[in-house]
């Protein structure tokens, strides 16, 4: 009788940690607090740390650089398979890089995942990372709008599109494809939206640019190709790569 009772309890626990638990873990999150080896993980408000979990894939922005890889989830046991791939862009100020290093060291050490009233918690030896749900972008506005480049952001400076360039645009379609222009080359491919982040799953650029337009072309490509965080307010969309680099678009007519 006792054996039967224990078996029933085990089956109930397994069900609770089944697909419903996986669904609650998967999604887009933003770091709100963290510690590792007795030290806090610094959080820089202008350079948020994000986490996307979906179908065994982990990705996000580590304050400055993007990261990605694969993870395993078995019950509440969480592990990252073979480490994370991280881009190698340098960001300023130095506190941003300190935040990134602390987070990447911490997340490599996690072993457990938990869902609480506050959000998602990843823990490991002397490590705890707390996340809240990352509010999704308003996709009804993001998708189906022709966005026209209005400015290029670098730190506190915003520069206008290059004189003589054709209209630089970006348009995302409901079927998961996109098209646009850097002002001298056309771009196209496929995308997916995870919370407030857009990732391109395929990418292509065609055409040639004059020397006068090469810098704008390079900045647009670098600000889009690896994926970006989106902010939309009224008719303006800002795409951020690493907190201080991005593009400003206006909704076209």
Protein backbone atom coordinates (compact mmCIF):
# COMPACT_ATOMS: atom_id res chain seq x y z
CA UNK A 1 0.00 0.00 0.00
CA UNK A 2 2.82 2.38 0.91
CA UNK A 3 4.62 1.50 -2.32
CA UNK A 4 1.47 2.25 -4.32
CA UNK A 5 1.05 5.61 -2.55
CA UNK A 6 4.64 6.59 -3.26
CA UNK A 7 4.22 5.60 -6.89
CA UNK A 8 1.10 7.75 -7.25
CA UNK A 9 2.88 10.71 -5.62
CA UNK A 10 5.82 10.25 -7.97
CA UNK A 11 3.54 10.23 -11.00
CA UNK A 12 1.76 13.38 -9.80
CA UNK A 13 5.09 15.15 -9.28
CA UNK A 14 6.27 14.10 -12.73
CA UNK A 15 3.08 15.49 -14.25
CA UNK A 16 3.54 18.79 -12.42
CA UNK A 17 7.07 19.03 -13.81
CA UNK A 18 5.98 17.97 -17.28
CA UNK A 19 4.86 20.04 -20.25
CA UNK A 20 3.18 22.73 -18.10
CA UNK A 21 6.44 23.36 -16.27
CA UNK A 22 8.41 23.50 -19.53
CA UNK A 23 5.87 25.97 -20.94
CA UNK A 24 6.25 28.20 -17.87
CA UNK A 25 10.04 28.17 -18.20
CA UNK A 26 10.13 28.89 -21.91
CA UNK A 27 9.80 32.50 -22.96
CA UNK A 28 11.65 35.80 -22.76
CA UNK A 29 13.04 37.11 -19.48
CA UNK A 30 15.04 40.06 -18.14
CA UNK A 31 17.51 39.88 -15.26
CA UNK A 32 16.39 41.78 -12.14
CA UNK A 33 18.91 40.54 -9.57
CA UNK A 34 21.82 38.14 -9.32
CA UNK A 35 24.75 36.95 -7.23
CA UNK A 36 27.76 34.76 -8.01
CA UNK A 37 30.61 33.68 -5.72
CA UNK A 38 29.35 36.03 -3.02
CA UNK A 39 29.35 39.06 -5.32
CA UNK A 40 26.35 40.81 -6.95
CA UNK A 41 25.90 40.68 -10.70
CA UNK A 42 25.90 44.40 -11.62
CA UNK A 43 22.86 45.54 -13.58
CA UNK A 44 23.21 48.59 -15.84
CA UNK A 45 19.76 50.01 -16.55
CA UNK A 46 20.65 51.21 -20.06
CA UNK A 47 22.13 47.79 -20.95
CA UNK A 48 19.61 45.13 -19.83
CA UNK A 49 20.48 41.44 -19.61
CA UNK A 50 17.92 39.24 -21.33
CA UNK A 51 17.27 35.50 -21.56
CA UNK A 52 15.24 33.63 -24.17
CA UNK A 53 14.45 29.93 -23.67
CA UNK A 54 12.67 28.03 -26.42
CA UNK A 55 12.74 24.39 -27.55
CA UNK A 56 16.16 23.69 -26.07
CA UNK A 57 17.70 26.90 -27.39
CA UNK A 58 19.04 29.64 -25.11
CA UNK A 59 19.83 33.16 -26.33
CA UNK A 60 19.76 36.78 -25.26
CA UNK A 61 21.82 39.88 -24.65
CA UNK A 62 24.47 39.85 -21.91
CA UNK A 63 24.43 43.64 -21.29
CA UNK A 64 26.69 44.17 -24.32
CA UNK A 65 27.06 41.12 -26.54
CA UNK A 66 24.57 38.59 -27.79
CA UNK A 67 24.90 34.98 -26.71
CA UNK A 68 23.36 31.66 -27.71
CA UNK A 69 23.54 27.91 -27.37
CA UNK A 70 21.56 24.91 -26.22
CA UNK A 71 20.23 23.90 -22.83
CA UNK A 72 18.92 20.73 -21.21
CA UNK A 73 15.92 20.70 -18.87
CA UNK A 74 15.07 17.56 -16.91
CA UNK A 75 12.56 18.22 -14.15
CA UNK A 76 14.04 21.23 -12.38
CA UNK A 77 17.60 20.35 -13.42
CA UNK A 78 18.96 22.91 -15.89
CA UNK A 79 22.27 22.82 -17.74
CA UNK A 80 23.83 24.58 -20.70
CA UNK A 81 25.23 22.18 -23.28
CA UNK A 82 28.88 22.77 -24.25
CA UNK A 83 28.96 26.41 -23.20
CA UNK A 84 27.65 29.53 -24.91
CA UNK A 85 28.65 31.26 -28.13
CA UNK A 86 29.15 34.98 -27.47
CA UNK A 87 29.80 37.83 -29.89
CA UNK A 88 32.91 39.90 -29.23
CA UNK A 89 31.94 43.56 -29.35
CA UNK A 90 33.45 45.96 -26.80
CA UNK A 91 31.04 48.34 -25.07
CA UNK A 92 31.43 51.45 -22.96
CA UNK A 93 31.39 52.36 -20.14
CA UNK A 94 33.49 49.68 -18.44
CA UNK A 95 30.67 48.88 -15.99
CA UNK A 96 28.76 47.34 -18.91
CA UNK A 97 31.57 44.88 -19.57
CA UNK A 98 31.80 44.07 -15.84
CA UNK A 99 28.07 43.35 -15.83
CA UNK A 100 28.45 41.07 -18.85
CA UNK A 101 31.40 39.13 -17.45
CA UNK A 102 29.65 38.58 -14.11
CA UNK A 103 26.47 37.36 -15.79
CA UNK A 104 28.23 34.98 -18.18
CA UNK A 105 30.27 33.51 -15.31
CA UNK A 106 27.09 33.08 -13.28
CA UNK A 107 24.87 31.51 -15.92
CA UNK A 108 27.57 28.98 -16.78
CA UNK A 109 27.29 27.79 -13.17
CA UNK A 110 23.52 27.20 -12.94
CA UNK A 111 22.11 23.76 -12.21
CA UNK A 112 18.46 24.32 -11.22
CA UNK A 113 15.47 26.28 -12.48
CA UNK A 114 12.41 27.41 -10.53
CA UNK A 115 9.28 29.41 -11.29
CA UNK A 116 8.16 31.71 -8.45
CA UNK A 117 5.54 34.44 -8.07
CA UNK A 118 8.23 36.95 -9.07
CA UNK A 119 9.41 35.10 -12.18
CA UNK A 120 12.15 32.65 -13.15
CA UNK A 121 15.10 31.77 -10.90
CA UNK A 122 18.27 29.95 -11.98
CA UNK A 123 20.51 28.63 -9.21
CA UNK A 124 23.80 26.81 -8.81
CA UNK A 125 26.68 26.60 -6.34
CA UNK A 126 26.94 30.12 -4.87
CA UNK A 127 24.86 31.40 -7.79
CA UNK A 128 21.37 32.84 -8.10
CA UNK A 129 19.87 34.71 -11.06
CA UNK A 130 16.37 36.17 -10.85
CA UNK A 131 14.41 37.13 -13.96
CA UNK A 132 11.07 38.77 -14.68
CA UNK A 133 8.97 38.31 -17.80
CA UNK A 134 10.20 40.52 -20.63
CA UNK A 135 7.26 42.43 -22.05
CA UNK A 136 6.74 41.55 -25.73
CA UNK A 137 6.90 44.16 -28.44
CA UNK A 138 3.54 45.19 -29.94
CA UNK A 139 3.76 42.85 -32.92
CA UNK A 140 0.66 44.30 -34.57
CA UNK A 141 2.69 47.49 -35.04
CA UNK A 142 6.08 45.86 -35.59
CA UNK A 143 4.84 43.53 -38.32
CA UNK A 144 3.27 44.87 -41.48
CA UNK A 145 4.63 48.41 -41.09
CA UNK A 146 7.12 49.92 -43.52
CA UNK A 147 9.77 51.37 -41.20
CA UNK A 148 11.89 54.18 -42.70
CA UNK A 149 15.35 54.91 -41.27
CA UNK A 150 15.39 58.25 -39.47
CA UNK A 151 18.62 58.15 -37.47
CA UNK A 152 21.70 56.13 -36.52
CA UNK A 153 22.48 55.94 -32.79
CA UNK A 154 25.98 55.71 -31.31
CA UNK A 155 26.18 56.44 -27.59
CA UNK A 156 24.50 59.80 -26.95
CA UNK A 157 24.80 60.87 -30.59
CA UNK A 158 22.17 60.41 -33.30
CA UNK A 159 23.21 61.06 -36.90
CA UNK A 160 20.92 61.50 -39.88
CA UNK A 161 20.90 59.07 -42.81
CA UNK A 162 23.61 59.78 -45.39
CA UNK A 163 22.90 62.45 -47.97
CA UNK A 164 22.27 60.97 -51.38
CA UNK A 165 21.18 57.60 -50.03
CA UNK A 166 17.96 56.00 -51.14
CA UNK A 167 15.29 55.55 -48.49
CA UNK A 168 16.50 52.89 -46.03
CA UNK A 169 13.61 50.70 -44.91
CA UNK A 170 12.73 47.60 -42.94
CA UNK A 171 9.47 45.62 -43.26
CA UNK A 172 8.59 42.42 -41.41
CA UNK A 173 5.78 40.25 -42.80
CA UNK A 174 3.37 37.90 -41.02
CA UNK A 175 4.80 34.86 -42.83
CA UNK A 176 8.14 35.29 -41.02
CA UNK A 177 10.02 36.95 -43.88
CA UNK A 178 11.44 40.47 -44.08
CA UNK A 179 12.81 42.86 -46.67
CA UNK A 180 14.33 46.31 -46.71
CA UNK A 181 17.27 48.44 -47.68
CA UNK A 182 20.40 49.96 -46.12
CA UNK A 183 20.07 52.96 -48.41
CA UNK A 184 22.20 51.37 -51.12
CA UNK A 185 21.76 47.58 -50.77
CA UNK A 186 18.62 45.50 -50.45
CA UNK A 187 18.26 43.10 -47.52
CA UNK A 188 15.92 40.13 -47.09
CA UNK A 189 15.50 36.86 -45.23
CA UNK A 190 13.55 35.31 -42.38
CA UNK A 191 13.03 36.36 -38.75
CA UNK A 192 11.48 35.33 -35.45
CA UNK A 193 10.31 37.42 -32.49
CA UNK A 194 11.15 36.40 -28.91
CA UNK A 195 9.71 38.81 -26.37
CA UNK A 196 11.22 42.21 -27.12
CA UNK A 197 13.94 40.81 -29.38
CA UNK A 198 14.01 40.10 -33.11
CA UNK A 199 16.38 37.43 -34.43
CA UNK A 200 17.06 36.84 -38.12
CA UNK A 201 17.20 33.13 -38.92
CA UNK A 202 18.40 33.79 -42.48
CA UNK A 203 19.91 36.92 -43.97
CA UNK A 204 21.00 38.22 -47.36
CA UNK A 205 22.21 41.58 -48.74
CA UNK A 206 22.49 42.38 -52.44
CA UNK A 207 23.82 45.32 -54.40
CA UNK A 208 26.76 47.71 -54.23
CA UNK A 209 27.40 50.92 -52.33
CA UNK A 210 29.43 53.96 -53.22
CA UNK A 211 32.22 55.01 -50.87
CA UNK A 212 29.97 57.82 -49.58
CA UNK A 213 27.30 55.32 -48.50
CA UNK A 214 29.54 52.49 -47.31
CA UNK A 215 29.60 53.67 -43.67
CA UNK A 216 25.80 53.83 -43.40
CA UNK A 217 25.48 50.44 -45.07
CA UNK A 218 27.95 48.91 -42.58
CA UNK A 219 26.22 50.47 -39.56
CA UNK A 220 22.75 49.34 -40.64
CA UNK A 221 23.98 45.79 -41.29
CA UNK A 222 25.81 45.56 -37.93
CA UNK A 223 22.76 46.93 -36.10
CA UNK A 224 20.36 44.39 -37.64
CA UNK A 225 22.10 41.22 -38.81
CA UNK A 226 22.81 39.66 -35.40
CA UNK A 227 19.38 40.47 -33.99
CA UNK A 228 18.24 43.40 -31.88
CA UNK A 229 16.02 44.59 -29.03
CA UNK A 230 12.96 46.61 -30.06
CA UNK A 231 11.30 49.64 -28.51
CA UNK A 232 8.19 51.12 -30.16
CA UNK A 233 6.58 54.40 -29.12
CA UNK A 234 3.89 56.03 -31.24
CA UNK A 235 5.23 56.02 -34.82
CA UNK A 236 8.89 55.52 -33.82
CA UNK A 237 10.77 52.23 -33.58
CA UNK A 238 14.26 52.02 -32.06
CA UNK A 239 16.37 48.90 -32.54
CA UNK A 240 19.15 48.40 -29.98
CA UNK A 241 22.14 46.12 -30.41
CA UNK A 242 24.04 46.66 -27.16
CA UNK A 243 22.37 49.48 -25.31
CA UNK A 244 24.28 52.33 -26.94
CA UNK A 245 24.20 51.38 -30.61
CA UNK A 246 21.05 51.24 -32.69
CA UNK A 247 18.78 52.61 -35.38
CA UNK A 248 15.74 54.88 -35.22
CA UNK A 249 12.92 54.26 -37.70
CA UNK A 250 9.68 56.11 -38.37
CA UNK A 251 6.53 54.46 -39.67
CA UNK A 252 6.15 55.21 -43.37
CA UNK A 253 2.96 56.39 -45.01
